[in-house]
Amino acid sequence: MNDRARKGLWLGAAAFCAALANPVLAASTLPPGSYRVADLFGESDEERAARLAAEQHEQAQDASIRYLRERNQDLENTVRRLTGQNEQLDHRIDELNSRIERMQKDFEYRLCKIVAQQLGAEGGGPMPCLGTESLTSAAPASPPADSAAPPAAPKATGAPTSLAPPPGVLGTLPSGGKSAASPPPLSPNRAKFDSAMKLLAKAQYDEARSAFRSFADGYPNDELAPQAVYWVGDIAYVQKDYPAAARAFAEEIKKYPDSTRAPDSMLKLGQSLIAMGNKQEGCTALAALPTKYPNAENVASRAAAERKAAHCK
């Protein structure tokens, strides 16, 4: 064998050894038609592990993408559902606001009519807490045949003040045996009582409440004292000071059980207790009203309605 043949054989052996040591180099250095070691013996353990890791990583990415898409779809559905619920709540809030506004106007009218009756005012001036709105614009077209129409109250100075809507119905004047427009008893302390009523007519509720309280404490035997105690409780009830209202109405029932205001006070006592969260005591007071005051049929029917609304047993 000549030197040239030996050199070619040596170079071929060297290339073959290099291919065994580095399969990648073999793929790029072997001449066309040659075979890679990986092709002859299969992929190595390292290559197989790398391939499996890549496949697992790709599968994990696909699963994460599917999860995120599902979560996004769930969030979109939740947003659409909440949007619909929000629109429904807005509609209900609008309805409640309209109802509260109607209750407030009705309450202000009733309060003004009661004040006018208590003061025994004369004339056709505008009601004090309704501004320029007259009694005839808010009252029914014709009064009941068995009672005289209540006179209008005198004008009040200053801008009218709106009242917060009460949780219940404002107490009404008793009509047992007397006309609804009959003036209160002629008390020697009538001027002080009228002063408190004027504060109430001007919507100065804190001042009126204090004045009625002072009158009731200063003249407990006066024939107007039951009226004063009742108004203390009624103003507190409208102001949602339910504990003070309950104390005043209980005082009315205990000190003046035969007062014409006693049935209304017992009704308001039950309402105040329920509003305070003392449902059992409030329901008990409402249930006992027809027995204690059997002649107060109108008040008893209102008590029955309140018991039903409060889901009393």
C-alpha atoms as a PDB file:
ATOM      1  CA  MET A   1       0.000   0.000   0.000  1.00  0.00           C
ATOM      2  CA  ASN A   2       1.479   3.288  -1.005  1.00  0.00           C
ATOM      3  CA  ASP A   3       1.669   6.407   1.121  1.00  0.00           C
ATOM      4  CA  ARG A   4      -1.310   8.073  -0.574  1.00  0.00           C
ATOM      5  CA  ALA A   5      -3.662   5.166   0.253  1.00  0.00           C
ATOM      6  CA  ARG A   6      -2.444   5.051   3.841  1.00  0.00           C
ATOM      7  CA  LYS A   7      -3.141   8.776   4.225  1.00  0.00           C
ATOM      8  CA  GLY A   8      -6.724   8.432   2.924  1.00  0.00           C
ATOM      9  CA  LEU A   9      -7.429   5.500   5.205  1.00  0.00           C
ATOM     10  CA  TRP A  10      -6.061   7.442   8.175  1.00  0.00           C
ATOM     11  CA  LEU A  11      -8.229  10.488   7.423  1.00  0.00           C
ATOM     12  CA  GLY A  12     -11.359   8.307   7.102  1.00  0.00           C
ATOM     13  CA  ALA A  13     -10.712   6.653  10.452  1.00  0.00           C
ATOM     14  CA  ALA A  14     -10.168  10.024  12.095  1.00  0.00           C
ATOM     15  CA  ALA A  15     -13.479  11.343  10.715  1.00  0.00           C
ATOM     16  CA  PHE A  16     -15.289   8.254  11.906  1.00  0.00           C
ATOM     17  CA  CYS A  17     -13.905   8.663  15.440  1.00  0.00           C
ATOM     18  CA  ALA A  18     -14.892  12.344  15.484  1.00  0.00           C
ATOM     19  CA  ALA A  19     -18.412  11.408  14.434  1.00  0.00           C
ATOM     20  CA  LEU A  20     -18.662   8.954  17.294  1.00  0.00           C
ATOM     21  CA  ALA A  21     -17.559  11.633  19.776  1.00  0.00           C
ATOM     22  CA  ASN A  22     -19.837  14.437  18.421  1.00  0.00           C
ATOM     23  CA  PRO A  23     -23.000  13.432  16.501  1.00  0.00           C
ATOM     24  CA  VAL A  24     -23.758  17.059  15.630  1.00  0.00           C
ATOM     25  CA  LEU A  25     -20.323  17.531  14.133  1.00  0.00           C
ATOM     26  CA  ALA A  26     -20.785  14.271  12.290  1.00  0.00           C
ATOM     27  CA  ALA A  27     -23.903  15.570  10.615  1.00  0.00           C
ATOM     28  CA  SER A  28     -22.013  18.568   9.267  1.00  0.00           C
ATOM     29  CA  THR A  29     -18.642  16.992   8.448  1.00  0.00           C
ATOM     30  CA  LEU A  30     -19.540  13.624   7.014  1.00  0.00           C
ATOM     31  CA  PRO A  31     -19.632  13.597   3.244  1.00  0.00           C
ATOM     32  CA  PRO A  32     -22.888  13.050   1.365  1.00  0.00           C
ATOM     33  CA  GLY A  33     -24.132   9.483   1.528  1.00  0.00           C
ATOM     34  CA  SER A  34     -22.556   8.888   4.958  1.00  0.00           C
ATOM     35  CA  TYR A  35     -24.648   7.938   8.064  1.00  0.00           C
ATOM     36  CA  ARG A  36     -24.925   9.740  11.432  1.00  0.00           C
ATOM     37  CA  VAL A  37     -24.342   7.701  14.545  1.00  0.00           C
ATOM     38  CA  ALA A  38     -27.751   8.832  15.919  1.00  0.00           C
ATOM     39  CA  ASP A  39     -29.375   7.484  12.792  1.00  0.00           C
ATOM     40  CA  LEU A  40     -27.649   4.159  13.256  1.00  0.00           C
ATOM     41  CA  PHE A  41     -28.184   3.671  17.018  1.00  0.00           C
ATOM     42  CA  GLY A  42     -31.373   5.840  17.779  1.00  0.00           C
ATOM     43  CA  GLU A  43     -31.660   8.958  20.013  1.00  0.00           C
ATOM     44  CA  SER A  44     -29.728   9.052  23.232  1.00  0.00           C
ATOM     45  CA  ASP A  45     -31.290   9.154  26.689  1.00  0.00           C
ATOM     46  CA  GLU A  46     -30.461  12.852  26.969  1.00  0.00           C
ATOM     47  CA  GLU A  47     -32.138  13.643  23.656  1.00  0.00           C
ATOM     48  CA  ARG A  48     -35.222  11.620  24.564  1.00  0.00           C
ATOM     49  CA  ALA A  49     -35.503  13.340  27.963  1.00  0.00           C
ATOM     50  CA  ALA A  50     -35.163  16.755  26.324  1.00  0.00           C
ATOM     51  CA  ARG A  51     -37.832  15.906  23.752  1.00  0.00           C
ATOM     52  CA  LEU A  52     -40.272  14.655  26.409  1.00  0.00           C
ATOM     53  CA  ALA A  53     -39.664  17.740  28.564  1.00  0.00           C
ATOM     54  CA  ALA A  54     -40.400  19.982  25.576  1.00  0.00           C
ATOM     55  CA  GLU A  55     -43.606  18.086  24.822  1.00  0.00           C
ATOM     56  CA  GLN A  56     -44.731  18.305  28.462  1.00  0.00           C
ATOM     57  CA  HIS A  57     -43.992  22.025  28.538  1.00  0.00           C
ATOM     58  CA  GLU A  58     -46.024  22.555  25.376  1.00  0.00           C
ATOM     59  CA  GLN A  59     -48.945  20.534  26.790  1.00  0.00           C
ATOM     60  CA  ALA A  60     -48.827  22.560  30.029  1.00  0.00           C
ATOM     61  CA  GLN A  61     -48.914  25.794  28.029  1.00  0.00           C
ATOM     62  CA  ASP A  62     -51.917  24.570  26.041  1.00  0.00           C
ATOM     63  CA  ALA A  63     -53.737  23.642  29.268  1.00  0.00           C
ATOM     64  CA  SER A  64     -52.993  27.065  30.783  1.00  0.00           C
ATOM     65  CA  ILE A  65     -54.308  28.797  27.674  1.00  0.00           C
ATOM     66  CA  ARG A  66     -57.512  26.751  27.759  1.00  0.00           C
ATOM     67  CA  TYR A  67     -57.976  27.541  31.480  1.00  0.00           C
ATOM     68  CA  LEU A  68     -57.454  31.249  30.928  1.00  0.00           C
ATOM     69  CA  ARG A  69     -59.945  31.257  28.075  1.00  0.00           C
ATOM     70  CA  GLU A  70     -62.544  29.507  30.229  1.00  0.00           C
ATOM     71  CA  ARG A  71     -61.950  31.935  33.099  1.00  0.00           C
ATOM     72  CA  ASN A  72     -62.294  34.883  30.750  1.00  0.00           C
ATOM     73  CA  GLN A  73     -65.585  33.507  29.441  1.00  0.00           C
ATOM     74  CA  ASP A  74     -66.847  32.999  33.000  1.00  0.00           C
ATOM     75  CA  LEU A  75     -65.903  36.574  33.906  1.00  0.00           C
ATOM     76  CA  GLU A  76     -67.709  37.946  30.858  1.00  0.00           C
ATOM     77  CA  ASN A  77     -70.841  35.991  31.775  1.00  0.00           C
ATOM     78  CA  THR A  78     -70.613  37.247  35.367  1.00  0.00           C
ATOM     79  CA  VAL A  79     -70.266  40.856  34.214  1.00  0.00           C
ATOM     80  CA  ARG A  80     -73.320  40.533  31.975  1.00  0.00           C
ATOM     81  CA  ARG A  81     -75.354  38.988  34.809  1.00  0.00           C
ATOM     82  CA  LEU A  82     -74.301  41.668  37.305  1.00  0.00           C
ATOM     83  CA  THR A  83     -75.081  44.389  34.783  1.00  0.00           C
ATOM     84  CA  GLY A  84     -78.617  43.060  34.438  1.00  0.00           C
ATOM     85  CA  GLN A  85     -79.032  42.840  38.207  1.00  0.00           C
ATOM     86  CA  ASN A  86     -77.718  46.386  38.600  1.00  0.00           C
ATOM     87  CA  GLU A  87     -80.289  47.668  36.118  1.00  0.00           C
ATOM     88  CA  GLN A  88     -83.037  45.906  38.042  1.00  0.00           C
ATOM     89  CA  LEU A  89     -81.810  47.427  41.324  1.00  0.00           C
ATOM     90  CA  ASP A  90     -81.719  50.896  39.766  1.00  0.00           C
ATOM     91  CA  HIS A  91     -85.325  50.464  38.692  1.00  0.00           C
ATOM     92  CA  ARG A  92     -86.374  49.316  42.176  1.00  0.00           C
ATOM     93  CA  ILE A  93     -84.517  52.241  43.772  1.00  0.00           C
ATOM     94  CA  ASP A  94     -86.363  54.673  41.493  1.00  0.00           C
ATOM     95  CA  GLU A  95     -89.666  53.116  42.506  1.00  0.00           C
ATOM     96  CA  LEU A  96     -88.776  53.289  46.209  1.00  0.00           C
ATOM     97  CA  ASN A  97     -87.705  56.924  45.902  1.00  0.00           C
ATOM     98  CA  SER A  98     -91.031  57.768  44.271  1.00  0.00           C
ATOM     99  CA  ARG A  99     -92.888  55.940  47.016  1.00  0.00           C
ATOM    100  CA  ILE A 100     -90.914  57.707  49.741  1.00  0.00           C
ATOM    101  CA  GLU A 101     -91.615  61.066  48.121  1.00  0.00           C
ATOM    102  CA  ARG A 102     -95.353  60.324  48.094  1.00  0.00           C
ATOM    103  CA  MET A 103     -95.235  59.210  51.732  1.00  0.00           C
ATOM    104  CA  GLN A 104     -93.357  62.379  52.679  1.00  0.00           C
ATOM    105  CA  LYS A 105     -95.926  64.629  51.013  1.00  0.00           C
ATOM    106  CA  ASP A 106     -98.767  62.723  52.659  1.00  0.00           C
ATOM    107  CA  PHE A 107     -97.056  62.939  56.039  1.00  0.00           C
ATOM    108  CA  GLU A 108     -96.476  66.688  55.731  1.00  0.00           C
ATOM    109  CA  TYR A 109    -100.096  67.246  54.804  1.00  0.00           C
ATOM    110  CA  ARG A 110    -101.342  65.170  57.752  1.00  0.00           C
ATOM    111  CA  LEU A 111     -99.004  66.958  60.137  1.00  0.00           C
ATOM    112  CA  CYS A 112    -100.157  70.363  58.957  1.00  0.00           C
ATOM    113  CA  LYS A 113    -103.803  69.401  59.268  1.00  0.00           C
ATOM    114  CA  ILE A 114    -103.287  68.174  62.832  1.00  0.00           C
ATOM    115  CA  VAL A 115    -101.410  71.335  63.769  1.00  0.00           C
ATOM    116  CA  ALA A 116    -104.196  73.446  62.299  1.00  0.00           C
ATOM    117  CA  GLN A 117    -106.770  71.535  64.325  1.00  0.00           C
ATOM    118  CA  GLN A 118    -104.747  71.827  67.516  1.00  0.00           C
ATOM    119  CA  LEU A 119    -104.229  75.569  67.120  1.00  0.00           C
ATOM    120  CA  GLY A 120    -107.850  76.170  66.136  1.00  0.00           C
ATOM    121  CA  ALA A 121    -106.644  78.483  63.362  1.00  0.00           C
ATOM    122  CA  GLU A 122    -109.027  80.404  61.171  1.00  0.00           C
ATOM    123  CA  GLY A 123    -108.802  81.633  57.619  1.00  0.00           C
ATOM    124  CA  GLY A 124    -107.658  80.079  54.375  1.00  0.00           C
ATOM    125  CA  GLY A 125    -103.924  80.804  54.376  1.00  0.00           C
ATOM    126  CA  PRO A 126    -101.354  78.305  53.111  1.00  0.00           C
ATOM    127  CA  MET A 127    -100.333  75.420  55.357  1.00  0.00           C
ATOM    128  CA  PRO A 128     -97.151  76.143  57.357  1.00  0.00           C
ATOM    129  CA  CYS A 129     -95.106  73.117  56.290  1.00  0.00           C
ATOM    130  CA  LEU A 130     -96.330  72.954  52.698  1.00  0.00           C
ATOM    131  CA  GLY A 131     -95.163  76.431  51.668  1.00  0.00           C
ATOM    132  CA  THR A 132     -97.600  77.898  49.139  1.00  0.00           C
ATOM    133  CA  GLU A 133     -99.643  74.705  48.798  1.00  0.00           C
ATOM    134  CA  SER A 134    -103.067  75.176  50.390  1.00  0.00           C
ATOM    135  CA  LEU A 135    -105.046  72.657  52.361  1.00  0.00           C
ATOM    136  CA  THR A 136    -107.682  72.409  49.642  1.00  0.00           C
ATOM    137  CA  SER A 137    -105.090  71.311  47.079  1.00  0.00           C
ATOM    138  CA  ALA A 138    -104.008  68.335  49.180  1.00  0.00           C
ATOM    139  CA  ALA A 139    -107.223  67.432  51.008  1.00  0.00           C
ATOM    140  CA  PRO A 140    -110.161  65.446  49.537  1.00  0.00           C
ATOM    141  CA  ALA A 141    -112.689  67.427  47.519  1.00  0.00           C
ATOM    142  CA  SER A 142    -115.461  67.050  50.108  1.00  0.00           C
ATOM    143  CA  PRO A 143    -115.157  66.431  53.864  1.00  0.00           C
ATOM    144  CA  PRO A 144    -117.096  63.664  55.604  1.00  0.00           C
ATOM    145  CA  ALA A 145    -120.715  64.513  56.301  1.00  0.00           C
ATOM    146  CA  ASP A 146    -120.440  63.862  60.053  1.00  0.00           C
ATOM    147  CA  SER A 147    -117.535  66.214  60.743  1.00  0.00           C
ATOM    148  CA  ALA A 148    -116.639  69.793  59.975  1.00  0.00           C
ATOM    149  CA  ALA A 149    -113.807  70.600  57.596  1.00  0.00           C
ATOM    150  CA  PRO A 150    -110.590  71.428  59.487  1.00  0.00           C
ATOM    151  CA  PRO A 151    -109.632  75.088  59.324  1.00  0.00           C
ATOM    152  CA  ALA A 152    -106.434  76.116  57.614  1.00  0.00           C
ATOM    153  CA  ALA A 153    -103.412  77.053  59.679  1.00  0.00           C
ATOM    154  CA  PRO A 154    -101.892  80.549  59.605  1.00  0.00           C
ATOM    155  CA  LYS A 155     -98.900  81.333  57.416  1.00  0.00           C
ATOM    156  CA  ALA A 156     -95.468  80.541  58.769  1.00  0.00           C
ATOM    157  CA  THR A 157     -92.495  82.803  58.338  1.00  0.00           C
ATOM    158  CA  GLY A 158     -89.305  81.602  56.695  1.00  0.00           C
ATOM    159  CA  ALA A 159     -88.700  78.876  54.165  1.00  0.00           C
ATOM    160  CA  PRO A 160     -90.483  75.563  54.779  1.00  0.00           C
ATOM    161  CA  THR A 161     -88.417  72.620  55.936  1.00  0.00           C
ATOM    162  CA  SER A 162     -89.018  69.163  54.476  1.00  0.00           C
ATOM    163  CA  LEU A 163     -89.513  66.293  56.884  1.00  0.00           C
ATOM    164  CA  ALA A 164     -87.856  62.929  56.744  1.00  0.00           C
ATOM    165  CA  PRO A 165     -90.443  60.289  55.810  1.00  0.00           C
ATOM    166  CA  PRO A 166     -91.668  58.425  58.886  1.00  0.00           C
ATOM    167  CA  PRO A 167     -91.532  54.647  59.070  1.00  0.00           C
ATOM    168  CA  GLY A 168     -95.203  54.520  60.021  1.00  0.00           C
ATOM    169  CA  VAL A 169     -98.340  56.643  59.905  1.00  0.00           C
ATOM    170  CA  LEU A 170     -98.532  59.804  61.936  1.00  0.00           C
ATOM    171  CA  GLY A 171    -101.096  59.700  64.726  1.00  0.00           C
ATOM    172  CA  THR A 172    -104.455  61.274  63.980  1.00  0.00           C
ATOM    173  CA  LEU A 173    -106.768  63.238  66.169  1.00  0.00           C
ATOM    174  CA  PRO A 174    -109.348  61.181  68.089  1.00  0.00           C
ATOM    175  CA  SER A 175    -112.940  61.458  66.997  1.00  0.00           C
ATOM    176  CA  GLY A 176    -114.773  59.503  69.724  1.00  0.00           C
ATOM    177  CA  GLY A 177    -117.850  61.515  70.594  1.00  0.00           C
ATOM    178  CA  LYS A 178    -116.378  64.833  69.405  1.00  0.00           C
ATOM    179  CA  SER A 179    -115.900  66.495  66.076  1.00  0.00           C
ATOM    180  CA  ALA A 180    -112.408  66.183  64.599  1.00  0.00           C
ATOM    181  CA  ALA A 181    -112.264  69.969  64.463  1.00  0.00           C
ATOM    182  CA  SER A 182    -113.194  70.450  68.134  1.00  0.00           C
ATOM    183  CA  PRO A 183    -110.661  72.659  69.947  1.00  0.00           C
ATOM    184  CA  PRO A 184    -108.505  71.150  72.730  1.00  0.00           C
ATOM    185  CA  PRO A 185    -109.513  71.695  76.376  1.00  0.00           C
ATOM    186  CA  LEU A 186    -109.204  75.221  77.709  1.00  0.00           C
ATOM    187  CA  SER A 187    -106.158  74.764  79.892  1.00  0.00           C
ATOM    188  CA  PRO A 188    -104.758  77.611  82.007  1.00  0.00           C
ATOM    189  CA  ASN A 189    -101.381  76.720  80.499  1.00  0.00           C
ATOM    190  CA  ARG A 190    -102.737  76.749  76.966  1.00  0.00           C
ATOM    191  CA  ALA A 191    -100.373  79.511  75.865  1.00  0.00           C
ATOM    192  CA  LYS A 192     -97.303  77.374  76.565  1.00  0.00           C
ATOM    193  CA  PHE A 193     -98.831  74.399  74.804  1.00  0.00           C
ATOM    194  CA  ASP A 194     -99.691  76.559  71.788  1.00  0.00           C
ATOM    195  CA  SER A 195     -96.124  77.843  71.745  1.00  0.00           C
ATOM    196  CA  ALA A 196     -94.858  74.286  71.392  1.00  0.00           C
ATOM    197  CA  MET A 197     -97.410  73.624  68.655  1.00  0.00           C
ATOM    198  CA  LYS A 198     -96.223  76.683  66.739  1.00  0.00           C
ATOM    199  CA  LEU A 199     -92.663  75.379  66.860  1.00  0.00           C
ATOM    200  CA  LEU A 200     -93.934  72.118  65.424  1.00  0.00           C
ATOM    201  CA  ALA A 201     -95.840  73.985  62.711  1.00  0.00           C
ATOM    202  CA  LYS A 202     -92.620  75.764  61.716  1.00  0.00           C
ATOM    203  CA  ALA A 203     -90.876  72.382  61.407  1.00  0.00           C
ATOM    204  CA  GLN A 204     -88.573  73.195  64.336  1.00  0.00           C
ATOM    205  CA  TYR A 205     -88.818  69.633  65.561  1.00  0.00           C
ATOM    206  CA  ASP A 206     -86.055  69.539  68.150  1.00  0.00           C
ATOM    207  CA  GLU A 207     -87.326  72.739  69.754  1.00  0.00           C
ATOM    208  CA  ALA A 208     -90.935  71.528  69.646  1.00  0.00           C
ATOM    209  CA  ARG A 209     -90.006  68.198  71.184  1.00  0.00           C
ATOM    210  CA  SER A 210     -88.153  69.935  74.013  1.00  0.00           C
ATOM    211  CA  ALA A 211     -91.062  72.335  74.588  1.00  0.00           C
ATOM    212  CA  PHE A 212     -93.614  69.499  74.787  1.00  0.00           C
ATOM    213  CA  ARG A 213     -91.323  67.620  77.166  1.00  0.00           C
ATOM    214  CA  SER A 214     -91.030  70.668  79.419  1.00  0.00           C
ATOM    215  CA  PHE A 215     -94.801  71.141  79.387  1.00  0.00           C
ATOM    216  CA  ALA A 216     -95.462  67.488  80.289  1.00  0.00           C
ATOM    217  CA  ASP A 217     -92.899  67.550  83.107  1.00  0.00           C
ATOM    218  CA  GLY A 218     -93.971  70.928  84.430  1.00  0.00           C
ATOM    219  CA  TYR A 219     -97.733  70.345  84.315  1.00  0.00           C
ATOM    220  CA  PRO A 220     -98.298  66.561  84.649  1.00  0.00           C
ATOM    221  CA  ASN A 221    -101.883  67.086  85.872  1.00  0.00           C
ATOM    222  CA  ASP A 222    -102.861  69.522  83.148  1.00  0.00           C
ATOM    223  CA  GLU A 223    -105.520  68.261  80.766  1.00  0.00           C
ATOM    224  CA  LEU A 224    -103.144  68.972  77.879  1.00  0.00           C
ATOM    225  CA  ALA A 225    -100.327  66.903  79.412  1.00  0.00           C
ATOM    226  CA  PRO A 226    -101.375  63.695  77.595  1.00  0.00           C
ATOM    227  CA  GLN A 227    -101.252  65.604  74.312  1.00  0.00           C
ATOM    228  CA  ALA A 228     -97.776  66.904  75.131  1.00  0.00           C
ATOM    229  CA  VAL A 229     -96.429  63.449  75.976  1.00  0.00           C
ATOM    230  CA  TYR A 230     -97.908  62.042  72.799  1.00  0.00           C
ATOM    231  CA  TRP A 231     -96.246  64.714  70.669  1.00  0.00           C
ATOM    232  CA  VAL A 232     -92.898  64.033  72.349  1.00  0.00           C
ATOM    233  CA  GLY A 233     -93.174  60.424  71.247  1.00  0.00           C
ATOM    234  CA  ASP A 234     -94.559  61.213  67.804  1.00  0.00           C
ATOM    235  CA  ILE A 235     -91.780  63.667  66.940  1.00  0.00           C
ATOM    236  CA  ALA A 236     -89.157  61.211  68.195  1.00  0.00           C
ATOM    237  CA  TYR A 237     -90.775  58.476  66.103  1.00  0.00           C
ATOM    238  CA  VAL A 238     -90.662  60.613  62.961  1.00  0.00           C
ATOM    239  CA  GLN A 239     -87.017  61.447  63.700  1.00  0.00           C
ATOM    240  CA  LYS A 240     -86.390  57.673  63.999  1.00  0.00           C
ATOM    241  CA  ASP A 241     -85.310  58.040  67.623  1.00  0.00           C
ATOM    242  CA  TYR A 242     -87.202  54.855  68.422  1.00  0.00           C
ATOM    243  CA  PRO A 243     -86.002  54.326  72.031  1.00  0.00           C
ATOM    244  CA  ALA A 244     -87.154  57.827  73.032  1.00  0.00           C
ATOM    245  CA  ALA A 245     -90.413  57.337  71.135  1.00  0.00           C
ATOM    246  CA  ALA A 246     -91.085  54.031  72.889  1.00  0.00           C
ATOM    247  CA  ARG A 247     -90.463  55.626  76.319  1.00  0.00           C
ATOM    248  CA  ALA A 248     -92.862  58.482  75.582  1.00  0.00           C
ATOM    249  CA  PHE A 249     -95.632  56.224  74.259  1.00  0.00           C
ATOM    250  CA  ALA A 250     -95.229  53.877  77.244  1.00  0.00           C
ATOM    251  CA  GLU A 251     -95.438  56.902  79.545  1.00  0.00           C
ATOM    252  CA  GLU A 252     -98.662  57.960  77.818  1.00  0.00           C
ATOM    253  CA  ILE A 253    -100.246  54.531  78.326  1.00  0.00           C
ATOM    254  CA  LYS A 254     -99.078  54.242  81.946  1.00  0.00           C
ATOM    255  CA  LYS A 255     -99.869  57.776  83.161  1.00  0.00           C
ATOM    256  CA  TYR A 256    -102.894  58.538  80.990  1.00  0.00           C
ATOM    257  CA  PRO A 257    -104.517  55.204  80.018  1.00  0.00           C
ATOM    258  CA  ASP A 258    -107.894  56.879  79.427  1.00  0.00           C
ATOM    259  CA  SER A 259    -106.498  59.625  77.208  1.00  0.00           C
ATOM    260  CA  THR A 260    -107.854  59.946  73.714  1.00  0.00           C
ATOM    261  CA  ARG A 261    -104.245  59.591  72.593  1.00  0.00           C
ATOM    262  CA  ALA A 262    -103.718  56.281  74.414  1.00  0.00           C
ATOM    263  CA  PRO A 263    -104.804  53.948  71.551  1.00  0.00           C
ATOM    264  CA  ASP A 264    -102.553  55.737  69.068  1.00  0.00           C
ATOM    265  CA  SER A 265     -99.750  55.640  71.644  1.00  0.00           C
ATOM    266  CA  MET A 266    -100.109  51.880  72.036  1.00  0.00           C
ATOM    267  CA  LEU A 267     -99.994  51.455  68.260  1.00  0.00           C
ATOM    268  CA  LYS A 268     -96.883  53.625  68.000  1.00  0.00           C
ATOM    269  CA  LEU A 269     -95.304  51.810  70.942  1.00  0.00           C
ATOM    270  CA  GLY A 270     -95.576  48.530  69.048  1.00  0.00           C
ATOM    271  CA  GLN A 271     -94.176  50.123  65.883  1.00  0.00           C
ATOM    272  CA  SER A 272     -91.290  51.685  67.799  1.00  0.00           C
ATOM    273  CA  LEU A 273     -90.362  48.401  69.478  1.00  0.00           C
ATOM    274  CA  ILE A 274     -90.384  46.560  66.156  1.00  0.00           C
ATOM    275  CA  ALA A 275     -88.256  49.288  64.566  1.00  0.00           C
ATOM    276  CA  MET A 276     -85.786  48.909  67.457  1.00  0.00           C
ATOM    277  CA  GLY A 277     -85.498  45.185  66.746  1.00  0.00           C
ATOM    278  CA  ASN A 278     -87.671  44.090  69.694  1.00  0.00           C
ATOM    279  CA  LYS A 279     -90.113  42.277  67.433  1.00  0.00           C
ATOM    280  CA  GLN A 280     -91.653  40.024  70.082  1.00  0.00           C
ATOM    281  CA  GLU A 281     -92.452  42.900  72.451  1.00  0.00           C
ATOM    282  CA  GLY A 282     -93.753  45.047  69.604  1.00  0.00           C
ATOM    283  CA  CYS A 283     -96.021  42.289  68.301  1.00  0.00           C
ATOM    284  CA  THR A 284     -97.322  41.720  71.835  1.00  0.00           C
ATOM    285  CA  ALA A 285     -98.238  45.396  72.202  1.00  0.00           C
ATOM    286  CA  LEU A 286    -100.021  45.433  68.841  1.00  0.00           C
ATOM    287  CA  ALA A 287    -101.929  42.237  69.649  1.00  0.00           C
ATOM    288  CA  ALA A 288    -103.098  43.601  73.027  1.00  0.00           C
ATOM    289  CA  LEU A 289    -104.425  46.865  71.565  1.00  0.00           C
ATOM    290  CA  PRO A 290    -107.935  45.632  70.553  1.00  0.00           C
ATOM    291  CA  THR A 291    -108.466  44.146  74.026  1.00  0.00           C
ATOM    292  CA  LYS A 292    -107.277  47.220  75.918  1.00  0.00           C
ATOM    293  CA  TYR A 293    -109.104  49.690  73.658  1.00  0.00           C
ATOM    294  CA  PRO A 294    -112.053  47.837  72.095  1.00  0.00           C
ATOM    295  CA  ASN A 295    -113.722  51.051  70.921  1.00  0.00           C
ATOM    296  CA  ALA A 296    -110.698  52.203  68.909  1.00  0.00           C
ATOM    297  CA  GLU A 297    -111.626  50.143  65.848  1.00  0.00           C
ATOM    298  CA  ASN A 298    -109.704  52.269  63.363  1.00  0.00           C
ATOM    299  CA  VAL A 299    -106.506  52.075  65.410  1.00  0.00           C
ATOM    300  CA  ALA A 300    -107.036  48.353  65.959  1.00  0.00           C
ATOM    301  CA  SER A 301    -107.274  47.740  62.216  1.00  0.00           C
ATOM    302  CA  ARG A 302    -104.016  49.620  61.709  1.00  0.00           C
ATOM    303  CA  ALA A 303    -102.415  47.524  64.453  1.00  0.00           C
ATOM    304  CA  ALA A 304    -103.554  44.352  62.672  1.00  0.00           C
ATOM    305  CA  ALA A 305    -101.998  45.616  59.441  1.00  0.00           C
ATOM    306  CA  GLU A 306     -98.749  46.382  61.245  1.00  0.00           C
ATOM    307  CA  ARG A 307     -98.679  42.885  62.769  1.00  0.00           C
ATOM    308  CA  LYS A 308     -99.147  41.365  59.351  1.00  0.00           C
ATOM    309  CA  ALA A 309     -96.408  43.535  57.843  1.00  0.00           C
ATOM    310  CA  ALA A 310     -94.032  42.563  60.650  1.00  0.00           C
ATOM    311  CA  HIS A 311     -94.914  38.862  60.256  1.00  0.00           C
ATOM    312  CA  CYS A 312     -95.974  38.577  63.872  1.00  0.00           C
ATOM    313  CA  LYS A 313     -97.047  35.147  65.032  1.00  0.00           C
END
